Structure formats: C-alpha cells, structure tokens
C-alpha cells in the first residue's frame, strides 16, 4: 500500500550518491517556492526508516529552500527490497 506523507528531510536516508544539475535545482526551487511541490518523491519505508533513491533534484531544492519536510509517496518494503536497490 502506498501512502502520501510529509516526512522531515533529515529522516530520509539517501544511500546512493547522485549528481544533480544545479540549473534544474534552481528552477525547481522557484517552482516550489511559488506553487509548492507538485509531484511527491518516492521513498521506501523499511523497518521504520525512510530511504530515498529518486527525486534527488526535488530533495536538493527543498534542502536549499530550508524546508523541514518534503511530500513523499511512501511504499513499505521488507529489507530484501532495500538490498536490491543497494545492489
């Protein structure tokens, strides 16, 4: 089951390094500041912890704007699913 939740940025672990396009992040910052986040980022909830593997530009835009939380599409998963994302 998928839920939409506002989750504190500092509670989302991002275990894989991502390269972001600073121009794209700046455009997202302008959009988020004026109309808010349209599309939630996807996170896995594994044993009560949140893991993000996508939405890196939206995540960074929220960080730069000083936002405390980000809207997330949360999917609960067992540790085996997390391991596949990390492989």
PDB file of N, CA and C in Angstrom:
ATOM      1  N   UNK A   1       0.838  -1.187   0.000  1.00  0.00           N
ATOM      2  CA  UNK A   1       0.000   0.000   0.000  1.00  0.00           C
ATOM      3  C   UNK A   1       0.885   1.254   0.000  1.00  0.00           C
ATOM      4  N   UNK A   2       0.514   2.220  -0.790  1.00  0.00           N
ATOM      5  CA  UNK A   2       1.279   3.460  -0.905  1.00  0.00           C
ATOM      6  C   UNK A   2       0.540   4.572  -0.158  1.00  0.00           C
ATOM      7  N   UNK A   3       1.293   5.342   0.624  1.00  0.00           N
ATOM      8  CA  UNK A   3       0.730   6.476   1.358  1.00  0.00           C
ATOM      9  C   UNK A   3       1.468   7.741   0.934  1.00  0.00           C
ATOM     10  N   UNK A   4       0.793   8.879   1.032  1.00  0.00           N
ATOM     11  CA  UNK A   4       1.435  10.178   0.818  1.00  0.00           C
ATOM     12  C   UNK A   4       1.609  10.802   2.201  1.00  0.00           C
ATOM     13  N   UNK A   5       2.870  11.147   2.545  1.00  0.00           N
ATOM     14  CA  UNK A   5       3.174  11.727   3.854  1.00  0.00           C
ATOM     15  C   UNK A   5       4.181  12.859   3.681  1.00  0.00           C
ATOM     16  N   UNK A   6       4.124  13.827   4.577  1.00  0.00           N
ATOM     17  CA  UNK A   6       5.187  14.828   4.686  1.00  0.00           C
ATOM     18  C   UNK A   6       6.195  14.297   5.685  1.00  0.00           C
ATOM     19  N   UNK A   7       7.426  14.103   5.232  1.00  0.00           N
ATOM     20  CA  UNK A   7       8.462  13.497   6.068  1.00  0.00           C
ATOM     21  C   UNK A   7       9.601  14.504   6.241  1.00  0.00           C
ATOM     22  N   UNK A   8      10.125  14.622   7.471  1.00  0.00           N
ATOM     23  CA  UNK A   8      11.285  15.503   7.667  1.00  0.00           C
ATOM     24  C   UNK A   8      12.459  15.073   6.783  1.00  0.00           C
ATOM     25  N   UNK A   9      13.091  16.042   6.136  1.00  0.00           N
ATOM     26  CA  UNK A   9      14.219  15.750   5.255  1.00  0.00           C
ATOM     27  C   UNK A   9      15.301  14.956   5.971  1.00  0.00           C
ATOM     28  N   UNK A  10      15.557  15.303   7.243  1.00  0.00           N
ATOM     29  CA  UNK A  10      16.648  14.640   7.951  1.00  0.00           C
ATOM     30  C   UNK A  10      16.332  13.188   8.311  1.00  0.00           C
ATOM     31  N   UNK A  11      15.091  12.754   8.122  1.00  0.00           N
ATOM     32  CA  UNK A  11      14.742  11.355   8.384  1.00  0.00           C
ATOM     33  C   UNK A  11      14.832  10.481   7.132  1.00  0.00           C
ATOM     34  N   UNK A  12      15.190  11.079   6.001  1.00  0.00           N
ATOM     35  CA  UNK A  12      15.270  10.321   4.750  1.00  0.00           C
ATOM     36  C   UNK A  12      16.734  10.036   4.441  1.00  0.00           C
ATOM     37  N   UNK A  13      17.072   8.752   4.438  1.00  0.00           N
ATOM     38  CA  UNK A  13      18.432   8.332   4.108  1.00  0.00           C
ATOM     39  C   UNK A  13      18.543   8.235   2.587  1.00  0.00           C
ATOM     40  N   UNK A  14      19.617   8.778   2.062  1.00  0.00           N
ATOM     41  CA  UNK A  14      19.873   8.727   0.621  1.00  0.00           C
ATOM     42  C   UNK A  14      21.200   8.007   0.442  1.00  0.00           C
ATOM     43  N   UNK A  15      21.169   6.674   0.401  1.00  0.00           N
ATOM     44  CA  UNK A  15      22.403   5.888   0.431  1.00  0.00           C
ATOM     45  C   UNK A  15      23.236   5.906  -0.847  1.00  0.00           C
ATOM     46  N   UNK A  16      22.663   6.298  -1.962  1.00  0.00           N
ATOM     47  CA  UNK A  16      23.416   6.305  -3.213  1.00  0.00           C
ATOM     48  C   UNK A  16      23.722   7.735  -3.626  1.00  0.00           C
ATOM     49  N   UNK A  17      24.992   8.034  -3.940  1.00  0.00           N
ATOM     50  CA  UNK A  17      25.325   9.400  -4.369  1.00  0.00           C
ATOM     51  C   UNK A  17      24.694   9.710  -5.723  1.00  0.00           C
ATOM     52  N   UNK A  18      24.213  10.916  -5.868  1.00  0.00           N
ATOM     53  CA  UNK A  18      23.584  11.349  -7.121  1.00  0.00           C
ATOM     54  C   UNK A  18      24.227  12.645  -7.572  1.00  0.00           C
ATOM     55  N   UNK A  19      24.314  12.809  -8.871  1.00  0.00           N
ATOM     56  CA  UNK A  19      24.757  14.079  -9.447  1.00  0.00           C
ATOM     57  C   UNK A  19      23.505  14.878  -9.775  1.00  0.00           C
ATOM     58  N   UNK A  20      23.500  16.145  -9.395  1.00  0.00           N
ATOM     59  CA  UNK A  20      22.344  16.975  -9.723  1.00  0.00           C
ATOM     60  C   UNK A  20      22.778  18.111 -10.643  1.00  0.00           C
ATOM     61  N   UNK A  21      21.843  18.556 -11.429  1.00  0.00           N
ATOM     62  CA  UNK A  21      22.035  19.684 -12.342  1.00  0.00           C
ATOM     63  C   UNK A  21      21.598  20.937 -11.576  1.00  0.00           C
ATOM     64  N   UNK A  22      22.550  21.820 -11.267  1.00  0.00           N
ATOM     65  CA  UNK A  22      22.229  22.988 -10.436  1.00  0.00           C
ATOM     66  C   UNK A  22      21.177  23.890 -11.088  1.00  0.00           C
ATOM     67  N   UNK A  23      21.169  23.974 -12.418  1.00  0.00           N
ATOM     68  CA  UNK A  23      20.157  24.790 -13.100  1.00  0.00           C
ATOM     69  C   UNK A  23      18.759  24.198 -12.872  1.00  0.00           C
ATOM     70  N   UNK A  24      18.657  22.885 -12.966  1.00  0.00           N
ATOM     71  CA  UNK A  24      17.369  22.222 -12.737  1.00  0.00           C
ATOM     72  C   UNK A  24      16.918  22.410 -11.282  1.00  0.00           C
ATOM     73  N   UNK A  25      17.859  22.317 -10.351  1.00  0.00           N
ATOM     74  CA  UNK A  25      17.531  22.523  -8.937  1.00  0.00           C
ATOM     75  C   UNK A  25      17.012  23.946  -8.723  1.00  0.00           C
ATOM     76  N   UNK A  26      17.670  24.933  -9.340  1.00  0.00           N
ATOM     77  CA  UNK A  26      17.238  26.331  -9.195  1.00  0.00           C
ATOM     78  C   UNK A  26      15.843  26.546  -9.771  1.00  0.00           C
ATOM     79  N   UNK A  27      15.545  25.925 -10.920  1.00  0.00           N
ATOM     80  CA  UNK A  27      14.199  26.037 -11.495  1.00  0.00           C
ATOM     81  C   UNK A  27      13.164  25.415 -10.558  1.00  0.00           C
ATOM     82  N   UNK A  28      13.490  24.267  -9.995  1.00  0.00           N
ATOM     83  CA  UNK A  28      12.576  23.621  -9.051  1.00  0.00           C
ATOM     84  C   UNK A  28      12.377  24.476  -7.805  1.00  0.00           C
ATOM     85  N   UNK A  29      13.446  25.110  -7.339  1.00  0.00           N
ATOM     86  CA  UNK A  29      13.332  25.977  -6.162  1.00  0.00           C
ATOM     87  C   UNK A  29      12.325  27.088  -6.418  1.00  0.00           C
ATOM     88  N   UNK A  30      12.399  27.703  -7.595  1.00  0.00           N
ATOM     89  CA  UNK A  30      11.452  28.774  -7.935  1.00  0.00           C
ATOM     90  C   UNK A  30      10.025  28.244  -7.966  1.00  0.00           C
ATOM     91  N   UNK A  31       9.834  27.090  -8.586  1.00  0.00           N
ATOM     92  CA  UNK A  31       8.505  26.491  -8.692  1.00  0.00           C
ATOM     93  C   UNK A  31       7.956  26.106  -7.319  1.00  0.00           C
ATOM     94  N   UNK A  32       8.785  25.446  -6.510  1.00  0.00           N
ATOM     95  CA  UNK A  32       8.357  25.005  -5.181  1.00  0.00           C
ATOM     96  C   UNK A  32       8.037  26.209  -4.297  1.00  0.00           C
ATOM     97  N   UNK A  33       8.855  27.254  -4.395  1.00  0.00           N
ATOM     98  CA  UNK A  33       8.616  28.461  -3.587  1.00  0.00           C
ATOM     99  C   UNK A  33       7.305  29.132  -3.958  1.00  0.00           C
ATOM    100  N   UNK A  34       6.924  29.091  -5.252  1.00  0.00           N
ATOM    101  CA  UNK A  34       5.708  29.796  -5.655  1.00  0.00           C
ATOM    102  C   UNK A  34       4.453  28.926  -5.609  1.00  0.00           C
ATOM    103  N   UNK A  35       4.543  27.653  -6.006  1.00  0.00           N
ATOM    104  CA  UNK A  35       3.320  26.833  -6.046  1.00  0.00           C
ATOM    105  C   UNK A  35       3.389  25.543  -5.230  1.00  0.00           C
ATOM    106  N   UNK A  36       4.545  25.285  -4.622  1.00  0.00           N
ATOM    107  CA  UNK A  36       4.688  24.062  -3.833  1.00  0.00           C
ATOM    108  C   UNK A  36       5.127  22.886  -4.700  1.00  0.00           C
ATOM    109  N   UNK A  37       5.352  21.774  -4.045  1.00  0.00           N
ATOM    110  CA  UNK A  37       5.810  20.561  -4.734  1.00  0.00           C
ATOM    111  C   UNK A  37       4.616  19.874  -5.377  1.00  0.00           C
ATOM    112  N   UNK A  38       4.675  19.697  -6.704  1.00  0.00           N
ATOM    113  CA  UNK A  38       3.562  19.068  -7.423  1.00  0.00           C
ATOM    114  C   UNK A  38       3.621  17.542  -7.339  1.00  0.00           C
ATOM    115  N   UNK A  39       4.812  16.989  -7.504  1.00  0.00           N
ATOM    116  CA  UNK A  39       4.969  15.539  -7.561  1.00  0.00           C
ATOM    117  C   UNK A  39       5.802  15.061  -6.370  1.00  0.00           C
ATOM    118  N   UNK A  40       5.200  14.235  -5.470  1.00  0.00           N
ATOM    119  CA  UNK A  40       5.957  13.737  -4.314  1.00  0.00           C
ATOM    120  C   UNK A  40       7.160  12.902  -4.758  1.00  0.00           C
ATOM    121  N   UNK A  41       8.181  12.822  -3.905  1.00  0.00           N
ATOM    122  CA  UNK A  41       9.286  11.912  -4.183  1.00  0.00           C
ATOM    123  C   UNK A  41       8.886  10.519  -3.681  1.00  0.00           C
ATOM    124  N   UNK A  42       9.519   9.505  -4.216  1.00  0.00           N
ATOM    125  CA  UNK A  42       9.248   8.130  -3.797  1.00  0.00           C
ATOM    126  C   UNK A  42      10.262   7.710  -2.751  1.00  0.00           C
ATOM    127  N   UNK A  43       9.760   7.137  -1.649  1.00  0.00           N
ATOM    128  CA  UNK A  43      10.647   6.590  -0.629  1.00  0.00           C
ATOM    129  C   UNK A  43      10.159   5.201  -0.230  1.00  0.00           C
ATOM    130  N   UNK A  44      11.124   4.397   0.209  1.00  0.00           N
ATOM    131  CA  UNK A  44      10.806   3.088   0.786  1.00  0.00           C
ATOM    132  C   UNK A  44      10.832   3.229   2.294  1.00  0.00           C
ATOM    133  N   UNK A  45       9.862   2.642   2.961  1.00  0.00           N
ATOM    134  CA  UNK A  45       9.896   2.575   4.420  1.00  0.00           C
ATOM    135  C   UNK A  45      10.255   1.141   4.780  1.00  0.00           C
ATOM    136  N   UNK A  46      11.428   0.979   5.380  1.00  0.00           N
ATOM    137  CA  UNK A  46      11.924  -0.338   5.756  1.00  0.00           C
ATOM    138  C   UNK A  46      12.221  -0.309   7.249  1.00  0.00           C
ATOM    139  N   UNK A  47      11.495  -1.118   7.997  1.00  0.00           N
ATOM    140  CA  UNK A  47      11.690  -1.215   9.453  1.00  0.00           C
ATOM    141  C   UNK A  47      11.665   0.164  10.119  1.00  0.00           C
ATOM    142  N   UNK A  48      10.718   1.013   9.689  1.00  0.00           N
ATOM    143  CA  UNK A  48      10.523   2.317  10.308  1.00  0.00           C
ATOM    144  C   UNK A  48      11.475   3.406   9.842  1.00  0.00           C
ATOM    145  N   UNK A  49      12.368   3.092   8.883  1.00  0.00           N
ATOM    146  CA  UNK A  49      13.282   4.101   8.345  1.00  0.00           C
ATOM    147  C   UNK A  49      12.936   4.360   6.888  1.00  0.00           C
ATOM    148  N   UNK A  50      13.179   5.604   6.456  1.00  0.00           N
ATOM    149  CA  UNK A  50      12.840   6.012   5.090  1.00  0.00           C
ATOM    150  C   UNK A  50      14.097   6.094   4.230  1.00  0.00           C
ATOM    151  N   UNK A  51      14.011   5.536   3.029  1.00  0.00           N
ATOM    152  CA  UNK A  51      15.139   5.524   2.093  1.00  0.00           C
ATOM    153  C   UNK A  51      14.686   6.122   0.767  1.00  0.00           C
ATOM    154  N   UNK A  52      15.444   7.110   0.281  1.00  0.00           N
ATOM    155  CA  UNK A  52      15.125   7.744  -0.986  1.00  0.00           C
ATOM    156  C   UNK A  52      16.159   7.403  -2.043  1.00  0.00           C
ATOM    157  N   UNK A  53      15.675   7.015  -3.222  1.00  0.00           N
ATOM    158  CA  UNK A  53      16.570   6.675  -4.326  1.00  0.00           C
ATOM    159  C   UNK A  53      16.294   7.513  -5.567  1.00  0.00           C
ATOM    160  N   UNK A  54      15.214   8.252  -5.562  1.00  0.00           N
ATOM    161  CA  UNK A  54      14.874   9.101  -6.708  1.00  0.00           C
ATOM    162  C   UNK A  54      14.488  10.474  -6.175  1.00  0.00           C
ATOM    163  N   UNK A  55      14.154  11.376  -7.079  1.00  0.00           N
ATOM    164  CA  UNK A  55      13.738  12.715  -6.648  1.00  0.00           C
ATOM    165  C   UNK A  55      14.873  13.558  -6.100  1.00  0.00           C
ATOM    166  N   UNK A  56      16.101  13.281  -6.562  1.00  0.00           N
ATOM    167  CA  UNK A  56      17.254  13.976  -5.984  1.00  0.00           C
ATOM    168  C   UNK A  56      17.216  15.486  -6.219  1.00  0.00           C
ATOM    169  N   UNK A  57      16.691  15.930  -7.379  1.00  0.00           N
ATOM    170  CA  UNK A  57      16.605  17.374  -7.636  1.00  0.00           C
ATOM    171  C   UNK A  57      15.566  18.029  -6.729  1.00  0.00           C
ATOM    172  N   UNK A  58      14.420  17.366  -6.569  1.00  0.00           N
ATOM    173  CA  UNK A  58      13.379  17.910  -5.688  1.00  0.00           C
ATOM    174  C   UNK A  58      13.858  17.930  -4.240  1.00  0.00           C
ATOM    175  N   UNK A  59      14.568  16.871  -3.831  1.00  0.00           N
ATOM    176  CA  UNK A  59      15.101  16.784  -2.468  1.00  0.00           C
ATOM    177  C   UNK A  59      16.095  17.929  -2.223  1.00  0.00           C
ATOM    178  N   UNK A  60      17.033  18.114  -3.160  1.00  0.00           N
ATOM    179  CA  UNK A  60      18.034  19.179  -3.001  1.00  0.00           C
ATOM    180  C   UNK A  60      17.381  20.563  -3.016  1.00  0.00           C
ATOM    181  N   UNK A  61      16.368  20.748  -3.858  1.00  0.00           N
ATOM    182  CA  UNK A  61      15.662  22.034  -3.886  1.00  0.00           C
ATOM    183  C   UNK A  61      15.040  22.330  -2.523  1.00  0.00           C
ATOM    184  N   UNK A  62      14.435  21.320  -1.902  1.00  0.00           N
ATOM    185  CA  UNK A  62      13.855  21.514  -0.569  1.00  0.00           C
ATOM    186  C   UNK A  62      14.941  21.854   0.452  1.00  0.00           C
ATOM    187  N   UNK A  63      16.090  21.174   0.370  1.00  0.00           N
ATOM    188  CA  UNK A  63      17.191  21.466   1.296  1.00  0.00           C
ATOM    189  C   UNK A  63      17.636  22.914   1.143  1.00  0.00           C
ATOM    190  N   UNK A  64      17.863  23.350  -0.089  1.00  0.00           N
ATOM    191  CA  UNK A  64      18.346  24.715  -0.338  1.00  0.00           C
ATOM    192  C   UNK A  64      17.333  25.767   0.086  1.00  0.00           C
ATOM    193  N   UNK A  65      16.040  25.440  -0.009  1.00  0.00           N
ATOM    194  CA  UNK A  65      14.998  26.383   0.412  1.00  0.00           C
ATOM    195  C   UNK A  65      14.816  26.402   1.933  1.00  0.00           C
ATOM    196  N   UNK A  66      15.498  25.495   2.633  1.00  0.00           N
ATOM    197  CA  UNK A  66      15.381  25.447   4.091  1.00  0.00           C
ATOM    198  C   UNK A  66      14.093  24.798   4.564  1.00  0.00           C
ATOM    199  N   UNK A  67      13.482  23.999   3.693  1.00  0.00           N
ATOM    200  CA  UNK A  67      12.238  23.311   4.068  1.00  0.00           C
ATOM    201  C   UNK A  67      12.555  22.211   5.088  1.00  0.00           C
ATOM    202  N   UNK A  68      11.657  22.023   6.034  1.00  0.00           N
ATOM    203  CA  UNK A  68      11.835  20.981   7.052  1.00  0.00           C
ATOM    204  C   UNK A  68      11.370  19.622   6.552  1.00  0.00           C
ATOM    205  N   UNK A  69      10.299  19.626   5.738  1.00  0.00           N
ATOM    206  CA  UNK A  69       9.706  18.372   5.291  1.00  0.00           C
ATOM    207  C   UNK A  69       9.562  18.362   3.772  1.00  0.00           C
ATOM    208  N   UNK A  70       9.309  17.163   3.244  1.00  0.00           N
ATOM    209  CA  UNK A  70       9.038  17.005   1.819  1.00  0.00           C
ATOM    210  C   UNK A  70       7.915  15.989   1.658  1.00  0.00           C
ATOM    211  N   UNK A  71       7.053  16.254   0.683  1.00  0.00           N
ATOM    212  CA  UNK A  71       5.938  15.346   0.414  1.00  0.00           C
ATOM    213  C   UNK A  71       6.485  14.087  -0.259  1.00  0.00           C
ATOM    214  N   UNK A  72       6.136  12.925   0.308  1.00  0.00           N
ATOM    215  CA  UNK A  72       6.671  11.653  -0.177  1.00  0.00           C
ATOM    216  C   UNK A  72       5.558  10.656  -0.469  1.00  0.00           C
ATOM    217  N   UNK A  73       5.793   9.862  -1.487  1.00  0.00           N
ATOM    218  CA  UNK A  73       4.970   8.697  -1.778  1.00  0.00           C
ATOM    219  C   UNK A  73       5.708   7.541  -1.102  1.00  0.00           C
ATOM    220  N   UNK A  74       5.120   7.001  -0.030  1.00  0.00           N
ATOM    221  CA  UNK A  74       5.799   6.016   0.809  1.00  0.00           C
ATOM    222  C   UNK A  74       5.288   4.612   0.500  1.00  0.00           C
ATOM    223  N   UNK A  75       6.245   3.738   0.214  1.00  0.00           N
ATOM    224  CA  UNK A  75       5.908   2.331  -0.008  1.00  0.00           C
ATOM    225  C   UNK A  75       6.654   1.516   1.035  1.00  0.00           C
ATOM    226  N   UNK A  76       5.906   0.734   1.813  1.00  0.00           N
ATOM    227  CA  UNK A  76       6.539  -0.123   2.803  1.00  0.00           C
ATOM    228  C   UNK A  76       7.134  -1.331   2.105  1.00  0.00           C
ATOM    229  N   UNK A  77       8.322  -1.730   2.556  1.00  0.00           N
ATOM    230  CA  UNK A  77       9.015  -2.831   1.908  1.00  0.00           C
ATOM    231  C   UNK A  77       9.862  -3.585   2.929  1.00  0.00           C
ATOM    232  N   UNK A  78      10.090  -4.871   2.681  1.00  0.00           N
ATOM    233  CA  UNK A  78      10.994  -5.625   3.545  1.00  0.00           C
ATOM    234  C   UNK A  78      12.453  -5.290   3.217  1.00  0.00           C
ATOM    235  N   UNK A  79      13.345  -5.670   4.090  1.00  0.00           N
ATOM    236  CA  UNK A  79      14.771  -5.399   3.906  1.00  0.00           C
ATOM    237  C   UNK A  79      15.302  -5.972   2.589  1.00  0.00           C
ATOM    238  N   UNK A  80      14.735  -7.082   2.122  1.00  0.00           N
ATOM    239  CA  UNK A  80      15.194  -7.697   0.867  1.00  0.00           C
ATOM    240  C   UNK A  80      15.014  -6.750  -0.325  1.00  0.00           C
ATOM    241  N   UNK A  81      13.942  -5.975  -0.327  1.00  0.00           N
ATOM    242  CA  UNK A  81      13.716  -4.999  -1.395  1.00  0.00           C
ATOM    243  C   UNK A  81      14.747  -3.889  -1.309  1.00  0.00           C
ATOM    244  N   UNK A  82      15.051  -3.434  -0.100  1.00  0.00           N
ATOM    245  CA  UNK A  82      16.082  -2.409   0.101  1.00  0.00           C
ATOM    246  C   UNK A  82      17.418  -2.921  -0.428  1.00  0.00           C
ATOM    247  N   UNK A  83      17.754  -4.154  -0.123  1.00  0.00           N
ATOM    248  CA  UNK A  83      19.027  -4.735  -0.585  1.00  0.00           C
ATOM    249  C   UNK A  83      19.124  -4.713  -2.108  1.00  0.00           C
ATOM    250  N   UNK A  84      18.018  -4.980  -2.787  1.00  0.00           N
ATOM    251  CA  UNK A  84      18.029  -4.956  -4.262  1.00  0.00           C
ATOM    252  C   UNK A  84      18.305  -3.553  -4.791  1.00  0.00           C
ATOM    253  N   UNK A  85      17.786  -2.532  -4.096  1.00  0.00           N
ATOM    254  CA  UNK A  85      18.033  -1.136  -4.515  1.00  0.00           C
ATOM    255  C   UNK A  85      19.495  -0.751  -4.302  1.00  0.00           C
ATOM    256  N   UNK A  86      20.136  -1.375  -3.320  1.00  0.00           N
ATOM    257  CA  UNK A  86      21.518  -1.037  -3.000  1.00  0.00           C
ATOM    258  C   UNK A  86      22.521  -1.820  -3.826  1.00  0.00           C
ATOM    259  N   UNK A  87      22.060  -2.880  -4.500  1.00  0.00           N
ATOM    260  CA  UNK A  87      22.983  -3.757  -5.257  1.00  0.00           C
ATOM    261  C   UNK A  87      23.475  -3.092  -6.519  1.00  0.00           C
TER     262      UNK A  87
END
